[in-house]
C-alpha atoms as a PDB file:
ATOM      1  CA  MET A   1      29.854  52.283  -8.671  1.00  0.00           C
ATOM      2  CA  LEU A   2      30.603  48.924  -9.986  1.00  0.00           C
ATOM      3  CA  LEU A   3      27.924  47.288 -12.266  1.00  0.00           C
ATOM      4  CA  GLN A   4      28.569  43.908  -9.889  1.00  0.00           C
ATOM      5  CA  GLU A   5      27.148  45.795  -6.737  1.00  0.00           C
ATOM      6  CA  LYS A   6      24.422  47.497  -8.718  1.00  0.00           C
ATOM      7  CA  ALA A   7      24.235  44.043 -10.156  1.00  0.00           C
ATOM      8  CA  SER A   8      24.052  42.535  -6.191  1.00  0.00           C
ATOM      9  CA  LEU A   9      21.988  45.981  -5.744  1.00  0.00           C
ATOM     10  CA  ILE A  10      19.071  44.688  -8.145  1.00  0.00           C
ATOM     11  CA  LYS A  11      19.129  40.926  -6.773  1.00  0.00           C
ATOM     12  CA  LEU A  12      18.044  42.031  -3.477  1.00  0.00           C
ATOM     13  CA  LYS A  13      15.469  44.646  -4.926  1.00  0.00           C
ATOM     14  CA  VAL A  14      14.236  41.422  -6.362  1.00  0.00           C
ATOM     15  CA  LYS A  15      14.364  38.765  -4.516  1.00  0.00           C
ATOM     16  CA  ALA A  16      13.002  41.516  -1.692  1.00  0.00           C
ATOM     17  CA  LEU A  17       9.840  42.256  -4.150  1.00  0.00           C
ATOM     18  CA  LEU A  18       9.486  38.519  -4.362  1.00  0.00           C
ATOM     19  CA  GLN A  19       9.196  37.919  -0.488  1.00  0.00           C
ATOM     20  CA  GLU A  20       6.911  40.485  -0.850  1.00  0.00           C
ATOM     21  CA  GLN A  21       4.196  39.452  -2.948  1.00  0.00           C
ATOM     22  CA  HIS A  22       4.576  35.974  -1.323  1.00  0.00           C
ATOM     23  CA  GLU A  23       3.060  37.598   1.691  1.00  0.00           C
ATOM     24  CA  LEU A  24       0.395  39.711  -0.402  1.00  0.00           C
ATOM     25  CA  LYS A  25      -0.727  36.289  -1.884  1.00  0.00           C
ATOM     26  CA  ASN A  26      -0.494  34.840   1.026  1.00  0.00           C
ATOM     27  CA  GLU A  27      -3.024  37.556   2.900  1.00  0.00           C
ATOM     28  CA  LEU A  28      -4.747  38.024  -0.445  1.00  0.00           C
ATOM     29  CA  LEU A  29      -5.830  33.839  -0.139  1.00  0.00           C
ATOM     30  CA  LEU A  30      -6.618  34.811   4.047  1.00  0.00           C
ATOM     31  CA  VAL A  31      -8.959  37.361   2.767  1.00  0.00           C
ATOM     32  CA  GLN A  32     -10.847  35.433   0.402  1.00  0.00           C
ATOM     33  CA  THR A  33     -10.963  32.755   2.667  1.00  0.00           C
ATOM     34  CA  GLU A  34     -12.797  35.078   5.242  1.00  0.00           C
ATOM     35  CA  ASN A  35     -15.118  36.600   2.452  1.00  0.00           C
ATOM     36  CA  GLU A  36     -16.159  33.235   1.968  1.00  0.00           C
ATOM     37  CA  ASN A  37     -16.437  32.727   5.363  1.00  0.00           C
ATOM     38  CA  LEU A  38     -18.248  35.460   5.479  1.00  0.00           C
ATOM     39  CA  LYS A  39     -20.583  35.093   2.499  1.00  0.00           C
ATOM     40  CA  LYS A  40     -21.925  31.663   3.867  1.00  0.00           C
ATOM     41  CA  THR A  41     -22.634  34.028   7.027  1.00  0.00           C
ATOM     42  CA  ILE A  42     -24.588  36.512   5.771  1.00  0.00           C
ATOM     43  CA  GLY A  43     -26.398  33.506   3.605  1.00  0.00           C
ATOM     44  CA  ASP A  44     -27.112  31.376   6.365  1.00  0.00           C
ATOM     45  CA  GLN A  45     -28.632  34.345   8.360  1.00  0.00           C
ATOM     46  CA  THR A  46     -30.754  35.523   5.465  1.00  0.00           C
ATOM     47  CA  LYS A  47     -32.308  32.243   5.442  1.00  0.00           C
ATOM     48  CA  ARG A  48     -32.725  32.380   9.064  1.00  0.00           C
ATOM     49  CA  ILE A  49     -34.507  35.893   9.824  1.00  0.00           C
ATOM     50  CA  GLU A  50     -36.809  35.013   6.291  1.00  0.00           C
ATOM     51  CA  ILE A  51     -37.745  31.253   8.690  1.00  0.00           C
ATOM     52  CA  LEU A  52     -38.137  33.593  11.486  1.00  0.00           C
ATOM     53  CA  GLU A  53     -40.331  36.086   9.823  1.00  0.00           C
ATOM     54  CA  ASP A  54     -42.545  34.388   8.635  1.00  0.00           C
ATOM     55  CA  LYS A  55     -43.244  32.082  11.780  1.00  0.00           C
ATOM     56  CA  ASN A  56     -44.436  36.071  12.809  1.00  0.00           C
ATOM     57  CA  LYS A  57     -46.626  36.446  10.036  1.00  0.00           C
ATOM     58  CA  ILE A  58     -48.273  32.889  11.561  1.00  0.00           C
ATOM     59  CA  SER A  59     -48.116  33.892  14.965  1.00  0.00           C
ATOM     60  CA  LYS A  60     -49.718  37.377  14.068  1.00  0.00           C
ATOM     61  CA  LEU A  61     -52.084  35.436  12.040  1.00  0.00           C
ATOM     62  CA  ALA A  62     -52.889  32.697  14.753  1.00  0.00           C
ATOM     63  CA  ASP A  63     -53.195  35.798  17.141  1.00  0.00           C
ATOM     64  CA  GLY A  64     -55.216  37.409  15.165  1.00  0.00           C
ATOM     65  CA  ILE A  65     -57.881  34.148  14.641  1.00  0.00           C
ATOM     66  CA  GLN A  66     -58.107  33.939  18.285  1.00  0.00           C
ATOM     67  CA  LEU A  67     -58.225  37.021  20.023  1.00  0.00           C
ATOM     68  CA  GLY A  68     -60.756  38.638  16.588  1.00  0.00           C
ATOM     69  CA  LYS A  69     -58.322  41.377  15.960  1.00  0.00           C
ATOM     70  CA  ARG A  70     -58.425  40.896  12.462  1.00  0.00           C
ATOM     71  CA  ASP A  71     -61.364  41.425   9.732  1.00  0.00           C
ATOM     72  CA  ILE A  72     -62.301  38.261   8.819  1.00  0.00           C
ATOM     73  CA  THR A  73     -61.948  39.788   4.684  1.00  0.00           C
ATOM     74  CA  GLU A  74     -58.691  40.464   5.352  1.00  0.00           C
ATOM     75  CA  LEU A  75     -57.921  36.978   6.969  1.00  0.00           C
ATOM     76  CA  LYS A  76     -59.235  35.305   3.908  1.00  0.00           C
ATOM     77  CA  LEU A  77     -57.004  37.259   1.677  1.00  0.00           C
ATOM     78  CA  GLN A  78     -54.172  36.414   3.476  1.00  0.00           C
ATOM     79  CA  ILE A  79     -54.511  33.195   3.390  1.00  0.00           C
ATOM     80  CA  ASN A  80     -55.630  33.423  -0.204  1.00  0.00           C
ATOM     81  CA  GLN A  81     -52.764  34.708  -0.542  1.00  0.00           C
ATOM     82  CA  TYR A  82     -50.622  31.728   1.432  1.00  0.00           C
ATOM     83  CA  ILE A  83     -52.469  29.529  -0.994  1.00  0.00           C
ATOM     84  CA  ARG A  84     -50.888  31.168  -4.373  1.00  0.00           C
ATOM     85  CA  GLU A  85     -47.829  31.284  -2.405  1.00  0.00           C
ATOM     86  CA  ILE A  86     -48.113  27.243  -2.354  1.00  0.00           C
ATOM     87  CA  ASP A  87     -49.687  26.782  -5.667  1.00  0.00           C
ATOM     88  CA  GLU A  88     -46.518  28.654  -7.193  1.00  0.00           C
ATOM     89  CA  CYS A  89     -44.570  26.716  -4.996  1.00  0.00           C
ATOM     90  CA  LEU A  90     -46.255  23.196  -5.875  1.00  0.00           C
ATOM     91  CA  LYS A  91     -45.654  24.405  -9.491  1.00  0.00           C
ATOM     92  CA  LEU A  92     -42.027  24.863  -9.484  1.00  0.00           C
ATOM     93  CA  LEU A  93     -41.253  21.540  -7.789  1.00  0.00           C
ATOM     94  CA  ASN A  94     -43.503  20.118 -10.373  1.00  0.00           C
ATOM     95  CA  HIS A  95     -41.438  21.845 -13.373  1.00  0.00           C
ATOM     96  CA  TYR A  96     -38.147  21.075 -11.908  1.00  0.00           C
ATOM     97  CA  SER A  97     -39.180  17.462 -11.309  1.00  0.00           C
ATOM     98  CA  ASN A  98     -40.044  16.939 -14.415  1.00  0.00           C
ATOM     99  CA  ASN A  99     -37.273  18.406 -15.887  1.00  0.00           C
ATOM    100  CA  LYS A 100     -34.693  16.094 -14.820  1.00  0.00           C
END
């Protein structure tokens, strides 16, 4: 095989590799975009689940009060827990607004 033929063959292989690299970069960008979209969807769904779980807790608490199925001590403890969580949130909000 002549030197020119070898050089031409190498050029063709390099062009093919460059084309493949370009295609792989495009595919990578698509996969990264899809990954980001899926992460956002997971985050949104996680927030929605948390909201629904909170609503469910409140609903169960309200059902317990209305039907008298829960022990009053347990209800007081649960309400106190909610108050502590609210107080903690208020502290964090205060701290955040004071540091701005």
